[in-house]
Amino acid sequence: MSAIAYKCPWIQIGKYRLEPWSHRFEAAAPVYVCAKCLARYNTQKQLRQHANICFVKEPPGKCIFRSKAFDIYQVDGFLGRRFARALTWLTTAFITDKLLSVDVTRFEYFVLREENKFVAAYFSRQKNCPIENNLSCIAVFPQYQRQGYGKILVDLSYEISLRDGRIGTPERPLSLHGRKLYHSVWRTRLMRAMSEQKSSQVTLKSLSDSTGIDPFDIVEAIQTMGTFCDDEEGNRFILLYPDASLRTKLCQPIQDWKRLRYNHASLVALNP
């Protein structure tokens, strides 16, 4: 007789009932999750009882960006272990092609919370990473997808890299959806940087310095935007397609990060 594989029928988060996608997610019965603190319970009655005493107003970190539509919080995995573990557990239900680290203390989390105070999406990155990975995992929960949150978070990861004085690249391998997402963000950031250039030719180094994108990733993204050419001295340049409509479309800013209150020094102070 073959073994029976138990699959969680659904996960209830607020008013949303979600069916897990990942075969790695193990739960034999429905799970009820608090949309504010992500605590999970076995029955809806338990969740209702918890809701009466749950006074969590925001993720356990500092708010680094506020807008009318959403806020973004920076959460240290060591100081916010309970929240980070709950976030990781919930993510395993919807990510099929990535193993998530159980040691949340080694990571920091950038959590996007909608105006209704519910967690909608996040990305994580390893603290004190010896290589230039600026994003380890990104997740947008099903009920909040197709709203551009993935692009906003990837764009944010590069803004943070620039403020840290580093060049960033995502942790590999990328899924097909992840590669498509990154190509979109890379093109937007590159075209935004190119639009500020007075010349139609720019160097890979200048683009990398202004966007925070690794030169190898620029080469990958640039294939759909233009072509390479070399001058007589052997310097490689990027020749843009002279398509004004394409330039205008790709240069639309994802989000204005001028109000981003990110301070690398304060983050270092939080590390254990």
Protein backbone atom coordinates (compact mmCIF):
# COMPACT_ATOMS: atom_id res chain seq x y z
CA MET A 1 0.00 0.00 0.00
CA SER A 2 1.36 3.39 -0.98
CA ALA A 3 1.79 6.12 1.60
CA ILE A 4 -0.87 8.80 1.80
CA ALA A 5 0.40 12.34 1.24
CA TYR A 6 -1.55 14.80 3.35
CA LYS A 7 -2.12 18.23 1.87
CA CYS A 8 -3.36 21.28 3.70
CA PRO A 9 -6.86 22.06 2.33
CA TRP A 10 -6.45 25.80 2.80
CA ILE A 11 -4.91 28.64 4.77
CA GLN A 12 -7.26 31.29 6.10
CA ILE A 13 -5.71 34.78 6.35
CA GLY A 14 -8.21 37.47 7.20
CA LYS A 15 -11.05 37.19 4.72
CA TYR A 16 -8.93 35.25 2.22
CA ARG A 17 -8.91 31.46 1.95
CA LEU A 18 -5.78 30.38 0.08
CA GLU A 19 -4.77 26.99 -1.26
CA PRO A 20 -1.06 26.15 -0.81
CA TRP A 21 0.94 25.68 -4.01
CA SER A 22 4.11 24.03 -2.74
CA HIS A 23 4.47 20.29 -2.28
CA ARG A 24 6.95 21.02 0.54
CA PHE A 25 4.26 22.61 2.69
CA GLU A 26 3.02 20.08 5.23
CA ALA A 27 -0.23 20.48 7.15
CA ALA A 28 -3.00 17.90 7.36
CA ALA A 29 -5.77 20.32 8.33
CA PRO A 30 -6.81 23.91 7.60
CA VAL A 31 -4.64 26.60 9.17
CA TYR A 32 -5.97 29.93 10.43
CA VAL A 33 -3.47 32.81 10.39
CA CYS A 34 -3.71 36.23 12.01
CA ALA A 35 -3.25 38.78 9.23
CA LYS A 36 -1.45 41.21 11.54
CA CYS A 37 1.04 39.14 13.56
CA LEU A 38 0.95 35.93 11.44
CA ALA A 39 0.27 33.70 14.46
CA ARG A 40 -1.38 30.47 13.32
CA TYR A 41 -4.14 28.38 14.89
CA ASN A 42 -5.94 25.11 14.27
CA THR A 43 -9.50 26.44 14.44
CA GLN A 44 -11.35 29.58 13.50
CA LYS A 45 -12.58 29.88 17.08
CA GLN A 46 -9.01 30.06 18.34
CA LEU A 47 -8.21 32.74 15.77
CA ARG A 48 -11.23 34.82 16.83
CA GLN A 49 -10.16 34.58 20.46
CA HIS A 50 -6.66 35.66 19.49
CA ALA A 51 -8.00 38.59 17.44
CA ASN A 52 -9.63 40.00 20.59
CA ILE A 53 -6.26 40.24 22.34
CA CYS A 54 -3.92 40.86 19.39
CA PHE A 55 -2.63 44.40 19.73
CA VAL A 56 0.06 44.17 17.05
CA LYS A 57 -0.03 47.37 15.02
CA GLU A 58 3.04 46.93 12.83
CA PRO A 59 5.88 44.49 12.08
CA PRO A 60 8.62 44.33 14.75
CA GLY A 61 11.04 46.70 13.07
CA LYS A 62 11.47 50.26 11.94
CA CYS A 63 9.36 51.84 9.21
CA ILE A 64 11.69 53.00 6.45
CA PHE A 65 9.07 54.14 3.95
CA ARG A 66 5.51 55.43 4.23
CA SER A 67 2.95 56.24 1.60
CA LYS A 68 -0.84 56.40 1.39
CA ALA A 69 -1.02 52.94 -0.17
CA PHE A 70 1.60 50.99 1.80
CA ASP A 71 4.42 51.09 4.32
CA ILE A 72 7.74 49.21 4.29
CA TYR A 73 9.38 47.93 7.46
CA GLN A 74 12.91 46.71 8.03
CA VAL A 75 12.90 43.74 10.42
CA ASP A 76 16.03 42.20 11.91
CA GLY A 77 15.64 38.42 11.94
CA PHE A 78 17.41 38.17 15.29
CA LEU A 79 15.31 40.75 17.12
CA GLY A 80 12.04 39.73 15.42
CA ARG A 81 12.56 35.96 15.42
CA ARG A 82 8.95 34.99 16.05
CA PHE A 83 7.61 37.19 13.26
CA ALA A 84 10.38 36.14 10.84
CA ARG A 85 9.76 32.44 11.49
CA ALA A 86 6.02 32.88 10.93
CA LEU A 87 6.72 34.79 7.72
CA THR A 88 9.07 32.06 6.49
CA TRP A 89 6.60 29.31 7.39
CA LEU A 90 3.81 31.05 5.47
CA THR A 91 6.07 31.57 2.46
CA THR A 92 6.78 27.84 2.17
CA ALA A 93 3.14 27.38 1.15
CA PHE A 94 3.58 29.47 -2.00
CA ILE A 95 7.18 29.03 -3.15
CA THR A 96 7.89 25.77 -4.94
CA ASP A 97 11.40 26.27 -6.28
CA LYS A 98 13.39 27.61 -3.33
CA LEU A 99 14.48 26.20 0.01
CA LEU A 100 14.03 28.75 2.80
CA SER A 101 16.52 28.97 5.64
CA VAL A 102 15.19 28.04 9.05
CA ASP A 103 17.85 30.20 10.72
CA VAL A 104 16.06 33.53 10.43
CA THR A 105 18.64 35.27 12.66
CA ARG A 106 21.06 35.46 9.73
CA PHE A 107 18.64 37.50 7.63
CA GLU A 108 16.88 40.84 7.57
CA TYR A 109 13.41 41.27 6.13
CA PHE A 110 11.87 44.20 4.26
CA VAL A 111 8.14 43.86 4.74
CA LEU A 112 5.53 45.69 2.65
CA ARG A 113 2.32 46.30 4.56
CA GLU A 114 -0.81 47.61 2.87
CA GLU A 115 -2.90 50.44 4.24
CA ASN A 116 -5.23 47.86 5.79
CA LYS A 117 -2.31 46.92 8.07
CA PHE A 118 -1.93 43.43 6.54
CA VAL A 119 1.39 42.02 5.34
CA ALA A 120 1.29 41.84 1.54
CA ALA A 121 4.86 41.05 0.45
CA TYR A 122 8.48 41.02 1.55
CA PHE A 123 12.02 40.25 0.56
CA SER A 124 14.88 38.97 2.67
CA ARG A 125 18.62 39.28 2.40
CA GLN A 126 21.49 37.78 4.34
CA LYS A 127 23.20 40.04 6.85
CA ASN A 128 26.93 40.57 6.43
CA CYS A 129 26.89 38.55 3.22
CA PRO A 130 30.46 38.07 1.87
CA ILE A 131 29.18 38.31 -1.71
CA GLU A 132 27.10 41.05 -3.30
CA ASN A 133 23.69 39.33 -3.01
CA ASN A 134 21.17 42.03 -2.16
CA LEU A 135 18.12 39.73 -2.19
CA SER A 136 17.77 36.14 -1.01
CA CYS A 137 14.03 35.51 -1.28
CA ILE A 138 11.05 37.56 -2.42
CA ALA A 139 7.39 36.69 -1.97
CA VAL A 140 4.13 38.42 -2.77
CA PHE A 141 1.22 36.61 -1.16
CA PRO A 142 -1.49 35.46 -3.61
CA GLN A 143 -4.21 37.90 -2.57
CA TYR A 144 -1.89 40.86 -3.24
CA GLN A 145 -0.34 39.82 -6.54
CA ARG A 146 -0.54 41.75 -9.83
CA GLN A 147 -0.25 45.08 -8.04
CA GLY A 148 3.42 45.76 -8.79
CA TYR A 149 4.67 44.95 -5.29
CA GLY A 150 7.34 42.57 -6.60
CA LYS A 151 8.85 45.32 -8.78
CA ILE A 152 8.70 47.80 -5.93
CA LEU A 153 10.61 45.48 -3.59
CA VAL A 154 13.28 44.54 -6.13
CA ASP A 155 13.74 48.22 -6.97
CA LEU A 156 14.05 48.93 -3.25
CA SER A 157 16.77 46.27 -2.89
CA TYR A 158 18.93 48.21 -5.36
CA GLU A 159 18.23 51.54 -3.69
CA ILE A 160 19.44 50.05 -0.42
CA SER A 161 22.54 48.65 -2.14
CA LEU A 162 23.36 52.12 -3.46
CA ARG A 163 22.98 53.61 0.01
CA ASP A 164 25.29 50.91 1.35
CA GLY A 165 27.82 51.80 -1.36
CA ARG A 166 27.59 48.35 -2.91
CA ILE A 167 26.71 46.77 -6.25
CA GLY A 168 23.93 44.22 -5.89
CA THR A 169 22.73 41.04 -7.55
CA PRO A 170 20.04 38.54 -6.55
CA GLU A 171 20.80 35.14 -5.09
CA ARG A 172 20.86 32.43 -7.75
CA PRO A 173 19.29 30.43 -9.23
CA LEU A 174 16.37 32.56 -10.37
CA SER A 175 13.06 30.99 -11.25
CA LEU A 176 11.48 31.75 -14.63
CA HIS A 177 9.10 34.18 -12.95
CA GLY A 178 11.96 35.70 -10.96
CA ARG A 179 14.07 36.23 -14.07
CA LYS A 180 11.15 37.92 -15.82
CA LEU A 181 10.63 40.17 -12.80
CA TYR A 182 14.31 41.13 -12.63
CA HIS A 183 14.54 41.82 -16.36
CA SER A 184 11.66 44.26 -16.00
CA VAL A 185 13.27 46.08 -13.06
CA TRP A 186 16.72 46.07 -14.66
CA ARG A 187 15.37 47.62 -17.85
CA THR A 188 13.49 50.29 -15.91
CA ARG A 189 16.49 51.26 -13.79
CA LEU A 190 18.85 51.20 -16.76
CA MET A 191 16.61 53.31 -18.97
CA ARG A 192 16.08 55.74 -16.12
CA ALA A 193 19.86 56.08 -15.79
CA MET A 194 20.37 56.32 -19.54
CA SER A 195 17.78 59.05 -19.84
CA GLU A 196 19.95 61.19 -17.57
CA GLN A 197 22.96 60.75 -19.86
CA LYS A 198 23.61 63.57 -22.33
CA SER A 199 25.32 61.19 -24.74
CA SER A 200 23.66 58.28 -26.51
CA GLN A 201 26.59 56.09 -25.39
CA VAL A 202 27.27 55.11 -21.79
CA THR A 203 29.72 52.67 -20.20
CA LEU A 204 28.87 49.56 -18.23
CA LYS A 205 30.70 50.95 -15.23
CA SER A 206 28.79 54.21 -15.24
CA LEU A 207 25.50 52.33 -15.46
CA SER A 208 26.49 49.98 -12.67
CA ASP A 209 27.57 52.84 -10.41
CA SER A 210 24.34 54.77 -10.96
CA THR A 211 21.89 51.86 -10.75
CA GLY A 212 23.56 49.48 -8.29
CA ILE A 213 23.15 46.62 -10.78
CA ASP A 214 25.99 44.16 -11.29
CA PRO A 215 27.67 44.58 -14.72
CA PHE A 216 26.96 40.95 -15.63
CA ASP A 217 23.25 41.54 -14.98
CA ILE A 218 23.40 44.71 -17.08
CA VAL A 219 24.83 42.70 -19.97
CA GLU A 220 21.98 40.20 -19.63
CA ALA A 221 19.29 42.88 -19.53
CA ILE A 222 20.78 45.08 -22.24
CA GLN A 223 20.30 42.40 -24.90
CA THR A 224 16.64 43.44 -25.21
CA MET A 225 17.39 47.16 -25.15
CA GLY A 226 20.23 47.81 -27.54
CA THR A 227 23.53 46.53 -28.78
CA PHE A 228 27.21 46.67 -27.81
CA CYS A 229 29.92 48.45 -29.74
CA ASP A 230 33.65 48.98 -29.16
CA ASP A 231 35.67 52.11 -29.81
CA GLU A 232 39.19 52.22 -31.26
CA GLU A 233 40.74 51.94 -27.79
CA GLY A 234 38.85 48.75 -26.96
CA ASN A 235 36.32 50.33 -24.59
CA ARG A 236 32.91 48.69 -24.73
CA PHE A 237 29.83 50.87 -25.02
CA ILE A 238 26.08 50.38 -25.19
CA LEU A 239 24.32 51.88 -28.18
CA LEU A 240 20.67 52.57 -27.40
CA TYR A 241 17.83 52.02 -29.77
CA PRO A 242 16.69 55.51 -30.82
CA ASP A 243 13.06 54.71 -29.97
CA ALA A 244 11.58 57.58 -27.98
CA SER A 245 8.38 55.68 -27.15
CA LEU A 246 10.36 52.75 -25.72
CA ARG A 247 12.57 55.12 -23.72
CA THR A 248 9.50 56.88 -22.28
CA LYS A 249 7.77 53.62 -21.39
CA LEU A 250 10.74 52.04 -19.63
CA CYS A 251 11.73 55.21 -17.79
CA GLN A 252 8.51 55.45 -15.83
CA PRO A 253 9.62 55.41 -12.17
CA ILE A 254 8.37 52.51 -10.06
CA GLN A 255 8.37 54.53 -6.88
CA ASP A 256 9.90 57.71 -5.53
CA TRP A 257 12.45 56.64 -2.93
CA LYS A 258 13.43 60.16 -1.81
CA ARG A 259 11.52 59.58 1.42
CA LEU A 260 13.30 56.30 2.10
CA ARG A 261 14.65 56.49 5.65
CA TYR A 262 17.26 53.76 5.47
CA ASN A 263 20.35 54.08 7.62
CA HIS A 264 23.02 51.40 7.24
CA ALA A 265 24.77 52.49 10.42
CA SER A 266 21.68 51.87 12.51
CA LEU A 267 21.28 48.43 10.93
CA VAL A 268 24.81 47.45 11.91
CA ALA A 269 24.03 48.49 15.47
CA LEU A 270 21.07 46.10 15.52
CA ASN A 271 23.06 43.06 14.43
CA PRO A 272 23.83 40.60 17.25
